[in-house]
Amino acid sequence: MNDSSRTQGGLICVAVVVIAAWFLLGLLMQSYWALAIPVAILVFFVLGLTFWVGYTIATIQVEPYEEAEPPPGADAERPTWDVRVNERDVPVWALVPR
C-alpha cells in the first residue's frame, strides 16, 4: 500500500465526517431535505440496480445446446449417465453403457 492510497482513505474519512455532520445539522433544524435527499439517493440507487438486473436478464444471449448426431450405423441404444466414485471419494462422471 502506498502513500496515495492512505491519503485517499483519509480524505474519504474526512468527507464522511463532514457529510454526517451536515446531515445531523439538517435533522436538528428539522429540515425536510435532510431526510428527503438521502432517501431519494437510496431509492434511485435501488431502482437503478433493479433496472440493471432486468436489462441484463432481458438482453443475455444464450446459445442453445445441440446434441451431436450419432454416427451412421451406431447402436440404437444410447448409453446412460452413471456416477462413479474414485478412491478419494470425489465423484467422477463416467459414461457407462447399460
PDB file of N, CA and C in Angstrom:
ATOM      1  N   MET A   1       0.860  -1.164   0.000  1.00  0.00           N
ATOM      2  CA  MET A   1       0.000   0.000   0.000  1.00  0.00           C
ATOM      3  C   MET A   1       0.906   1.226   0.000  1.00  0.00           C
ATOM      4  N   ASN A   2       0.611   2.162  -0.887  1.00  0.00           N
ATOM      5  CA  ASN A   2       1.457   3.338  -0.961  1.00  0.00           C
ATOM      6  C   ASN A   2       0.794   4.534  -0.279  1.00  0.00           C
ATOM      7  N   ASP A   3       1.529   5.651  -0.240  1.00  0.00           N
ATOM      8  CA  ASP A   3       1.040   6.836   0.473  1.00  0.00           C
ATOM      9  C   ASP A   3      -0.199   7.443  -0.166  1.00  0.00           C
ATOM     10  N   SER A   4      -0.334   7.341  -1.472  1.00  0.00           N
ATOM     11  CA  SER A   4      -1.509   7.932  -2.118  1.00  0.00           C
ATOM     12  C   SER A   4      -2.789   7.196  -1.708  1.00  0.00           C
ATOM     13  N   SER A   5      -2.699   5.875  -1.501  1.00  0.00           N
ATOM     14  CA  SER A   5      -3.858   5.112  -1.031  1.00  0.00           C
ATOM     15  C   SER A   5      -4.256   5.553   0.370  1.00  0.00           C
ATOM     16  N   ARG A   6      -3.260   5.763   1.227  1.00  0.00           N
ATOM     17  CA  ARG A   6      -3.548   6.224   2.590  1.00  0.00           C
ATOM     18  C   ARG A   6      -4.153   7.622   2.567  1.00  0.00           C
ATOM     19  N   THR A   7      -3.667   8.474   1.683  1.00  0.00           N
ATOM     20  CA  THR A   7      -4.202   9.832   1.559  1.00  0.00           C
ATOM     21  C   THR A   7      -5.653   9.783   1.086  1.00  0.00           C
ATOM     22  N   GLN A   8      -5.930   8.951   0.100  1.00  0.00           N
ATOM     23  CA  GLN A   8      -7.305   8.816  -0.390  1.00  0.00           C
ATOM     24  C   GLN A   8      -8.220   8.275   0.699  1.00  0.00           C
ATOM     25  N   GLY A   9      -7.762   7.298   1.457  1.00  0.00           N
ATOM     26  CA  GLY A   9      -8.544   6.762   2.559  1.00  0.00           C
ATOM     27  C   GLY A   9      -8.834   7.822   3.608  1.00  0.00           C
ATOM     28  N   GLY A  10      -7.842   8.642   3.926  1.00  0.00           N
ATOM     29  CA  GLY A  10      -8.036   9.734   4.883  1.00  0.00           C
ATOM     30  C   GLY A  10      -9.029  10.758   4.383  1.00  0.00           C
ATOM     31  N   LEU A  11      -8.959  11.098   3.099  1.00  0.00           N
ATOM     32  CA  LEU A  11      -9.908  12.059   2.516  1.00  0.00           C
ATOM     33  C   LEU A  11     -11.331  11.507   2.530  1.00  0.00           C
ATOM     34  N   ILE A  12     -11.479  10.217   2.292  1.00  0.00           N
ATOM     35  CA  ILE A  12     -12.809   9.598   2.348  1.00  0.00           C
ATOM     36  C   ILE A  12     -13.362   9.699   3.771  1.00  0.00           C
ATOM     37  N   CYS A  13     -12.523   9.421   4.768  1.00  0.00           N
ATOM     38  CA  CYS A  13     -12.969   9.514   6.163  1.00  0.00           C
ATOM     39  C   CYS A  13     -13.392  10.933   6.520  1.00  0.00           C
ATOM     40  N   VAL A  14     -12.597  11.919   6.106  1.00  0.00           N
ATOM     41  CA  VAL A  14     -12.942  13.319   6.379  1.00  0.00           C
ATOM     42  C   VAL A  14     -14.251  13.684   5.688  1.00  0.00           C
ATOM     43  N   ALA A  15     -14.437  13.261   4.448  1.00  0.00           N
ATOM     44  CA  ALA A  15     -15.662  13.570   3.712  1.00  0.00           C
ATOM     45  C   ALA A  15     -16.878  12.955   4.395  1.00  0.00           C
ATOM     46  N   VAL A  16     -16.744  11.719   4.891  1.00  0.00           N
ATOM     47  CA  VAL A  16     -17.857  11.059   5.576  1.00  0.00           C
ATOM     48  C   VAL A  16     -18.217  11.804   6.857  1.00  0.00           C
ATOM     49  N   VAL A  17     -17.225  12.260   7.609  1.00  0.00           N
ATOM     50  CA  VAL A  17     -17.494  13.003   8.840  1.00  0.00           C
ATOM     51  C   VAL A  17     -18.195  14.322   8.514  1.00  0.00           C
ATOM     52  N   VAL A  18     -17.763  15.017   7.478  1.00  0.00           N
ATOM     53  CA  VAL A  18     -18.392  16.290   7.085  1.00  0.00           C
ATOM     54  C   VAL A  18     -19.835  16.051   6.647  1.00  0.00           C
ATOM     55  N   ILE A  19     -20.080  15.031   5.841  1.00  0.00           N
ATOM     56  CA  ILE A  19     -21.447  14.741   5.376  1.00  0.00           C
ATOM     57  C   ILE A  19     -22.328  14.328   6.555  1.00  0.00           C
ATOM     58  N   ALA A  20     -21.794  13.538   7.477  1.00  0.00           N
ATOM     59  CA  ALA A  20     -22.569  13.127   8.651  1.00  0.00           C
ATOM     60  C   ALA A  20     -22.925  14.334   9.510  1.00  0.00           C
ATOM     61  N   ALA A  21     -21.994  15.252   9.712  1.00  0.00           N
ATOM     62  CA  ALA A  21     -22.275  16.464  10.490  1.00  0.00           C
ATOM     63  C   ALA A  21     -23.325  17.314   9.792  1.00  0.00           C
ATOM     64  N   TRP A  22     -23.230  17.416   8.471  1.00  0.00           N
ATOM     65  CA  TRP A  22     -24.203  18.192   7.698  1.00  0.00           C
ATOM     66  C   TRP A  22     -25.599  17.567   7.826  1.00  0.00           C
ATOM     67  N   PHE A  23     -25.669  16.226   7.741  1.00  0.00           N
ATOM     68  CA  PHE A  23     -26.931  15.513   7.889  1.00  0.00           C
ATOM     69  C   PHE A  23     -27.510  15.725   9.291  1.00  0.00           C
ATOM     70  N   LEU A  24     -26.662  15.611  10.323  1.00  0.00           N
ATOM     71  CA  LEU A  24     -27.115  15.804  11.699  1.00  0.00           C
ATOM     72  C   LEU A  24     -27.623  17.232  11.914  1.00  0.00           C
ATOM     73  N   LEU A  25     -26.926  18.212  11.350  1.00  0.00           N
ATOM     74  CA  LEU A  25     -27.373  19.600  11.444  1.00  0.00           C
ATOM     75  C   LEU A  25     -28.741  19.766  10.791  1.00  0.00           C
ATOM     76  N   GLY A  26     -28.938  19.145   9.648  1.00  0.00           N
ATOM     77  CA  GLY A  26     -30.235  19.212   8.972  1.00  0.00           C
ATOM     78  C   GLY A  26     -31.337  18.578   9.797  1.00  0.00           C
ATOM     79  N   LEU A  27     -31.032  17.447  10.461  1.00  0.00           N
ATOM     80  CA  LEU A  27     -32.029  16.814  11.318  1.00  0.00           C
ATOM     81  C   LEU A  27     -32.376  17.696  12.526  1.00  0.00           C
ATOM     82  N   LEU A  28     -31.339  18.302  13.109  1.00  0.00           N
ATOM     83  CA  LEU A  28     -31.578  19.165  14.269  1.00  0.00           C
ATOM     84  C   LEU A  28     -32.380  20.408  13.899  1.00  0.00           C
ATOM     85  N   MET A  29     -32.233  20.857  12.677  1.00  0.00           N
ATOM     86  CA  MET A  29     -33.003  22.024  12.208  1.00  0.00           C
ATOM     87  C   MET A  29     -34.385  21.603  11.712  1.00  0.00           C
ATOM     88  N   GLN A  30     -34.680  20.317  11.798  1.00  0.00           N
ATOM     89  CA  GLN A  30     -35.949  19.739  11.359  1.00  0.00           C
ATOM     90  C   GLN A  30     -36.222  20.053   9.888  1.00  0.00           C
ATOM     91  N   SER A  31     -35.194  19.884   9.100  1.00  0.00           N
ATOM     92  CA  SER A  31     -35.306  20.147   7.663  1.00  0.00           C
ATOM     93  C   SER A  31     -35.841  18.907   6.943  1.00  0.00           C
ATOM     94  N   TYR A  32     -36.814  19.132   6.093  1.00  0.00           N
ATOM     95  CA  TYR A  32     -37.378  18.066   5.272  1.00  0.00           C
ATOM     96  C   TYR A  32     -36.303  17.486   4.354  1.00  0.00           C
ATOM     97  N   TRP A  33     -35.447  18.336   3.829  1.00  0.00           N
ATOM     98  CA  TRP A  33     -34.438  17.909   2.868  1.00  0.00           C
ATOM     99  C   TRP A  33     -33.390  16.993   3.491  1.00  0.00           C
ATOM    100  N   ALA A  34     -33.178  17.095   4.792  1.00  0.00           N
ATOM    101  CA  ALA A  34     -32.175  16.247   5.452  1.00  0.00           C
ATOM    102  C   ALA A  34     -32.538  14.768   5.339  1.00  0.00           C
ATOM    103  N   LEU A  35     -33.819  14.475   5.296  1.00  0.00           N
ATOM    104  CA  LEU A  35     -34.250  13.092   5.113  1.00  0.00           C
ATOM    105  C   LEU A  35     -34.584  12.776   3.664  1.00  0.00           C
ATOM    106  N   ALA A  36     -35.140  13.754   2.962  1.00  0.00           N
ATOM    107  CA  ALA A  36     -35.592  13.514   1.590  1.00  0.00           C
ATOM    108  C   ALA A  36     -34.430  13.194   0.654  1.00  0.00           C
ATOM    109  N   ILE A  37     -33.333  13.894   0.770  1.00  0.00           N
ATOM    110  CA  ILE A  37     -32.208  13.690  -0.160  1.00  0.00           C
ATOM    111  C   ILE A  37     -31.575  12.302   0.026  1.00  0.00           C
ATOM    112  N   PRO A  38     -31.210  11.889   1.260  1.00  0.00           N
ATOM    113  CA  PRO A  38     -30.636  10.530   1.387  1.00  0.00           C
ATOM    114  C   PRO A  38     -31.615   9.428   0.987  1.00  0.00           C
ATOM    115  N   VAL A  39     -32.889   9.605   1.313  1.00  0.00           N
ATOM    116  CA  VAL A  39     -33.877   8.596   0.924  1.00  0.00           C
ATOM    117  C   VAL A  39     -34.008   8.540  -0.593  1.00  0.00           C
ATOM    118  N   ALA A  40     -34.032   9.693  -1.243  1.00  0.00           N
ATOM    119  CA  ALA A  40     -34.124   9.730  -2.707  1.00  0.00           C
ATOM    120  C   ALA A  40     -32.899   9.066  -3.342  1.00  0.00           C
ATOM    121  N   ILE A  41     -31.717   9.333  -2.799  1.00  0.00           N
ATOM    122  CA  ILE A  41     -30.497   8.708  -3.333  1.00  0.00           C
ATOM    123  C   ILE A  41     -30.584   7.187  -3.200  1.00  0.00           C
ATOM    124  N   LEU A  42     -31.029   6.718  -2.043  1.00  0.00           N
ATOM    125  CA  LEU A  42     -31.153   5.276  -1.824  1.00  0.00           C
ATOM    126  C   LEU A  42     -32.185   4.654  -2.755  1.00  0.00           C
ATOM    127  N   VAL A  43     -33.327   5.307  -2.906  1.00  0.00           N
ATOM    128  CA  VAL A  43     -34.381   4.777  -3.781  1.00  0.00           C
ATOM    129  C   VAL A  43     -33.899   4.711  -5.228  1.00  0.00           C
ATOM    130  N   PHE A  44     -33.257   5.773  -5.704  1.00  0.00           N
ATOM    131  CA  PHE A  44     -32.772   5.764  -7.091  1.00  0.00           C
ATOM    132  C   PHE A  44     -31.659   4.747  -7.288  1.00  0.00           C
ATOM    133  N   PHE A  45     -30.837   4.528  -6.265  1.00  0.00           N
ATOM    134  CA  PHE A  45     -29.802   3.501  -6.365  1.00  0.00           C
ATOM    135  C   PHE A  45     -30.432   2.121  -6.514  1.00  0.00           C
ATOM    136  N   VAL A  46     -31.414   1.815  -5.661  1.00  0.00           N
ATOM    137  CA  VAL A  46     -32.084   0.509  -5.723  1.00  0.00           C
ATOM    138  C   VAL A  46     -32.824   0.353  -7.057  1.00  0.00           C
ATOM    139  N   LEU A  47     -33.499   1.403  -7.520  1.00  0.00           N
ATOM    140  CA  LEU A  47     -34.192   1.323  -8.806  1.00  0.00           C
ATOM    141  C   LEU A  47     -33.209   1.109  -9.957  1.00  0.00           C
ATOM    142  N   GLY A  48     -32.085   1.803  -9.912  1.00  0.00           N
ATOM    143  CA  GLY A  48     -31.063   1.627 -10.949  1.00  0.00           C
ATOM    144  C   GLY A  48     -30.495   0.225 -10.941  1.00  0.00           C
ATOM    145  N   LEU A  49     -30.238  -0.308  -9.752  1.00  0.00           N
ATOM    146  CA  LEU A  49     -29.723  -1.670  -9.649  1.00  0.00           C
ATOM    147  C   LEU A  49     -30.742  -2.673 -10.166  1.00  0.00           C
ATOM    148  N   THR A  50     -32.000  -2.480  -9.830  1.00  0.00           N
ATOM    149  CA  THR A  50     -33.058  -3.374 -10.302  1.00  0.00           C
ATOM    150  C   THR A  50     -33.204  -3.295 -11.819  1.00  0.00           C
ATOM    151  N   PHE A  51     -33.132  -2.081 -12.375  1.00  0.00           N
ATOM    152  CA  PHE A  51     -33.202  -1.922 -13.828  1.00  0.00           C
ATOM    153  C   PHE A  51     -32.040  -2.642 -14.493  1.00  0.00           C
ATOM    154  N   TRP A  52     -30.840  -2.524 -13.910  1.00  0.00           N
ATOM    155  CA  TRP A  52     -29.664  -3.166 -14.487  1.00  0.00           C
ATOM    156  C   TRP A  52     -29.827  -4.685 -14.500  1.00  0.00           C
ATOM    157  N   VAL A  53     -30.356  -5.251 -13.417  1.00  0.00           N
ATOM    158  CA  VAL A  53     -30.577  -6.704 -13.364  1.00  0.00           C
ATOM    159  C   VAL A  53     -31.591  -7.112 -14.436  1.00  0.00           C
ATOM    160  N   GLY A  54     -32.703  -6.372 -14.544  1.00  0.00           N
ATOM    161  CA  GLY A  54     -33.706  -6.684 -15.558  1.00  0.00           C
ATOM    162  C   GLY A  54     -33.159  -6.570 -16.966  1.00  0.00           C
ATOM    163  N   TYR A  55     -32.381  -5.521 -17.223  1.00  0.00           N
ATOM    164  CA  TYR A  55     -31.783  -5.323 -18.545  1.00  0.00           C
ATOM    165  C   TYR A  55     -30.823  -6.463 -18.871  1.00  0.00           C
ATOM    166  N   THR A  56     -30.037  -6.872 -17.877  1.00  0.00           N
ATOM    167  CA  THR A  56     -29.092  -7.966 -18.094  1.00  0.00           C
ATOM    168  C   THR A  56     -29.825  -9.261 -18.423  1.00  0.00           C
ATOM    169  N   ILE A  57     -30.899  -9.538 -17.692  1.00  0.00           N
ATOM    170  CA  ILE A  57     -31.671 -10.753 -17.954  1.00  0.00           C
ATOM    171  C   ILE A  57     -32.331 -10.677 -19.325  1.00  0.00           C
ATOM    172  N   ALA A  58     -32.846  -9.509 -19.694  1.00  0.00           N
ATOM    173  CA  ALA A  58     -33.564  -9.371 -20.964  1.00  0.00           C
ATOM    174  C   ALA A  58     -32.645  -9.448 -22.171  1.00  0.00           C
ATOM    175  N   THR A  59     -31.388  -9.053 -22.036  1.00  0.00           N
ATOM    176  CA  THR A  59     -30.507  -8.975 -23.202  1.00  0.00           C
ATOM    177  C   THR A  59     -29.441 -10.060 -23.244  1.00  0.00           C
ATOM    178  N   ILE A  60     -29.485 -11.018 -22.312  1.00  0.00           N
ATOM    179  CA  ILE A  60     -28.464 -12.072 -22.329  1.00  0.00           C
ATOM    180  C   ILE A  60     -28.668 -12.951 -23.563  1.00  0.00           C
ATOM    181  N   GLN A  61     -27.566 -13.374 -24.140  1.00  0.00           N
ATOM    182  CA  GLN A  61     -27.629 -14.224 -25.322  1.00  0.00           C
ATOM    183  C   GLN A  61     -27.142 -15.615 -24.932  1.00  0.00           C
ATOM    184  N   VAL A  62     -28.030 -16.577 -25.032  1.00  0.00           N
ATOM    185  CA  VAL A  62     -27.707 -17.953 -24.661  1.00  0.00           C
ATOM    186  C   VAL A  62     -27.741 -18.807 -25.916  1.00  0.00           C
ATOM    187  N   GLU A  63     -26.681 -19.559 -26.088  1.00  0.00           N
ATOM    188  CA  GLU A  63     -26.607 -20.468 -27.224  1.00  0.00           C
ATOM    189  C   GLU A  63     -27.351 -21.752 -26.860  1.00  0.00           C
ATOM    190  N   PRO A  64     -28.267 -22.210 -27.710  1.00  0.00           N
ATOM    191  CA  PRO A  64     -28.965 -23.461 -27.394  1.00  0.00           C
ATOM    192  C   PRO A  64     -28.000 -24.639 -27.477  1.00  0.00           C
ATOM    193  N   TYR A  65     -28.212 -25.607 -26.609  1.00  0.00           N
ATOM    194  CA  TYR A  65     -27.377 -26.800 -26.590  1.00  0.00           C
ATOM    195  C   TYR A  65     -27.794 -27.713 -27.733  1.00  0.00           C
ATOM    196  N   GLU A  66     -26.822 -28.114 -28.535  1.00  0.00           N
ATOM    197  CA  GLU A  66     -27.110 -29.005 -29.656  1.00  0.00           C
ATOM    198  C   GLU A  66     -26.450 -30.350 -29.393  1.00  0.00           C
ATOM    199  N   GLU A  67     -27.246 -31.409 -29.450  1.00  0.00           N
ATOM    200  CA  GLU A  67     -26.698 -32.738 -29.272  1.00  0.00           C
ATOM    201  C   GLU A  67     -26.013 -33.183 -30.561  1.00  0.00           C
ATOM    202  N   ALA A  68     -24.915 -33.893 -30.402  1.00  0.00           N
ATOM    203  CA  ALA A  68     -24.196 -34.412 -31.556  1.00  0.00           C
ATOM    204  C   ALA A  68     -24.991 -35.557 -32.166  1.00  0.00           C
ATOM    205  N   GLU A  69     -25.001 -35.607 -33.467  1.00  0.00           N
ATOM    206  CA  GLU A  69     -25.696 -36.686 -34.177  1.00  0.00           C
ATOM    207  C   GLU A  69     -24.869 -37.960 -34.050  1.00  0.00           C
ATOM    208  N   PRO A  70     -25.528 -39.102 -33.787  1.00  0.00           N
ATOM    209  CA  PRO A  70     -24.760 -40.363 -33.719  1.00  0.00           C
ATOM    210  C   PRO A  70     -24.244 -40.722 -35.118  1.00  0.00           C
ATOM    211  N   PRO A  71     -23.086 -41.333 -35.174  1.00  0.00           N
ATOM    212  CA  PRO A  71     -22.546 -41.717 -36.486  1.00  0.00           C
ATOM    213  C   PRO A  71     -23.434 -42.778 -37.127  1.00  0.00           C
ATOM    214  N   PRO A  72     -23.446 -42.838 -38.460  1.00  0.00           N
ATOM    215  CA  PRO A  72     -24.268 -43.848 -39.138  1.00  0.00           C
ATOM    216  C   PRO A  72     -23.845 -45.253 -38.712  1.00  0.00           C
ATOM    217  N   GLY A  73     -24.830 -46.093 -38.502  1.00  0.00           N
ATOM    218  CA  GLY A  73     -24.564 -47.478 -38.123  1.00  0.00           C
ATOM    219  C   GLY A  73     -24.326 -47.650 -36.627  1.00  0.00           C
ATOM    220  N   ALA A  74     -24.501 -46.591 -35.843  1.00  0.00           N
ATOM    221  CA  ALA A  74     -24.297 -46.704 -34.403  1.00  0.00           C
ATOM    222  C   ALA A  74     -25.447 -47.493 -33.794  1.00  0.00           C
ATOM    223  N   ASP A  75     -25.179 -48.115 -32.691  1.00  0.00           N
ATOM    224  CA  ASP A  75     -26.188 -48.904 -31.996  1.00  0.00           C
ATOM    225  C   ASP A  75     -27.368 -48.002 -31.630  1.00  0.00           C
ATOM    226  N   ALA A  76     -28.582 -48.532 -31.732  1.00  0.00           N
ATOM    227  CA  ALA A  76     -29.777 -47.737 -31.462  1.00  0.00           C
ATOM    228  C   ALA A  76     -29.887 -47.375 -29.983  1.00  0.00           C
ATOM    229  N   GLU A  77     -29.322 -48.236 -29.122  1.00  0.00           N
ATOM    230  CA  GLU A  77     -29.375 -47.926 -27.702  1.00  0.00           C
ATOM    231  C   GLU A  77     -28.381 -46.831 -27.381  1.00  0.00           C
ATOM    232  N   ARG A  78     -28.847 -45.908 -26.547  1.00  0.00           N
ATOM    233  CA  ARG A  78     -27.950 -44.841 -26.134  1.00  0.00           C
ATOM    234  C   ARG A  78     -27.461 -45.134 -24.728  1.00  0.00           C
ATOM    235  N   PRO A  79     -26.196 -44.874 -24.462  1.00  0.00           N
ATOM    236  CA  PRO A  79     -25.687 -45.085 -23.102  1.00  0.00           C
ATOM    237  C   PRO A  79     -26.318 -44.071 -22.144  1.00  0.00           C
ATOM    238  N   THR A  80     -26.355 -44.416 -20.866  1.00  0.00           N
ATOM    239  CA  THR A  80     -26.893 -43.513 -19.852  1.00  0.00           C
ATOM    240  C   THR A  80     -25.774 -43.047 -18.938  1.00  0.00           C
ATOM    241  N   TRP A  81     -26.028 -41.966 -18.240  1.00  0.00           N
ATOM    242  CA  TRP A  81     -25.034 -41.426 -17.314  1.00  0.00           C
ATOM    243  C   TRP A  81     -25.140 -42.141 -15.979  1.00  0.00           C
ATOM    244  N   ASP A  82     -23.986 -42.415 -15.400  1.00  0.00           N
ATOM    245  CA  ASP A  82     -23.938 -43.044 -14.100  1.00  0.00           C
ATOM    246  C   ASP A  82     -22.838 -42.349 -13.298  1.00  0.00           C
ATOM    247  N   VAL A  83     -22.992 -42.322 -11.992  1.00  0.00           N
ATOM    248  CA  VAL A  83     -21.995 -41.682 -11.140  1.00  0.00           C
ATOM    249  C   VAL A  83     -21.102 -42.755 -10.542  1.00  0.00           C
ATOM    250  N   ARG A  84     -19.806 -42.549 -10.674  1.00  0.00           N
ATOM    251  CA  ARG A  84     -18.827 -43.446 -10.066  1.00  0.00           C
ATOM    252  C   ARG A  84     -18.006 -42.621  -9.080  1.00  0.00           C
ATOM    253  N   VAL A  85     -17.495 -43.252  -8.047  1.00  0.00           N
ATOM    254  CA  VAL A  85     -16.687 -42.563  -7.048  1.00  0.00           C
ATOM    255  C   VAL A  85     -15.291 -43.154  -7.086  1.00  0.00           C
ATOM    256  N   ASN A  86     -14.264 -42.294  -7.127  1.00  0.00           N
ATOM    257  CA  ASN A  86     -12.899 -42.798  -7.159  1.00  0.00           C
ATOM    258  C   ASN A  86     -12.393 -43.026  -5.739  1.00  0.00           C
ATOM    259  N   GLU A  87     -11.102 -43.370  -5.614  1.00  0.00           N
ATOM    260  CA  GLU A  87     -10.555 -43.740  -4.310  1.00  0.00           C
ATOM    261  C   GLU A  87     -10.532 -42.587  -3.307  1.00  0.00           C
ATOM    262  N   ARG A  88     -10.631 -41.352  -3.752  1.00  0.00           N
ATOM    263  CA  ARG A  88     -10.639 -40.213  -2.831  1.00  0.00           C
ATOM    264  C   ARG A  88     -12.051 -39.751  -2.497  1.00  0.00           C
ATOM    265  N   ASP A  89     -13.041 -40.502  -2.880  1.00  0.00           N
ATOM    266  CA  ASP A  89     -14.442 -40.150  -2.673  1.00  0.00           C
ATOM    267  C   ASP A  89     -14.822 -38.859  -3.382  1.00  0.00           C
ATOM    268  N   VAL A  90     -14.217 -38.630  -4.533  1.00  0.00           N
ATOM    269  CA  VAL A  90     -14.569 -37.486  -5.357  1.00  0.00           C
ATOM    270  C   VAL A  90     -15.422 -38.007  -6.504  1.00  0.00           C
ATOM    271  N   PRO A  91     -16.633 -37.481  -6.689  1.00  0.00           N
ATOM    272  CA  PRO A  91     -17.473 -38.009  -7.764  1.00  0.00           C
ATOM    273  C   PRO A  91     -16.839 -37.778  -9.138  1.00  0.00           C
ATOM    274  N   VAL A  92     -16.877 -38.785  -9.930  1.00  0.00           N
ATOM    275  CA  VAL A  92     -16.364 -38.697 -11.291  1.00  0.00           C
ATOM    276  C   VAL A  92     -17.489 -39.145 -12.215  1.00  0.00           C
ATOM    277  N   TRP A  93     -17.869 -38.280 -13.133  1.00  0.00           N
ATOM    278  CA  TRP A  93     -18.935 -38.631 -14.068  1.00  0.00           C
ATOM    279  C   TRP A  93     -18.341 -39.503 -15.172  1.00  0.00           C
ATOM    280  N   ALA A  94     -18.969 -40.611 -15.410  1.00  0.00           N
ATOM    281  CA  ALA A  94     -18.484 -41.520 -16.447  1.00  0.00           C
ATOM    282  C   ALA A  94     -19.669 -41.965 -17.289  1.00  0.00           C
ATOM    283  N   LEU A  95     -19.448 -42.050 -18.567  1.00  0.00           N
ATOM    284  CA  LEU A  95     -20.478 -42.534 -19.480  1.00  0.00           C
ATOM    285  C   LEU A  95     -20.392 -44.051 -19.507  1.00  0.00           C
ATOM    286  N   VAL A  96     -21.404 -44.699 -18.937  1.00  0.00           N
ATOM    287  CA  VAL A  96     -21.395 -46.149 -18.803  1.00  0.00           C
ATOM    288  C   VAL A  96     -22.580 -46.719 -19.547  1.00  0.00           C
ATOM    289  N   PRO A  97     -22.331 -47.495 -20.627  1.00  0.00           N
ATOM    290  CA  PRO A  97     -23.462 -48.109 -21.315  1.00  0.00           C
ATOM    291  C   PRO A  97     -24.108 -49.169 -20.436  1.00  0.00           C
ATOM    292  N   ARG A  98     -25.397 -49.236 -20.484  1.00  0.00           N
ATOM    293  CA  ARG A  98     -26.116 -50.237 -19.694  1.00  0.00           C
ATOM    294  C   ARG A  98     -26.715 -51.291 -20.583  1.00  0.00           C
TER     295      ARG A  98
END
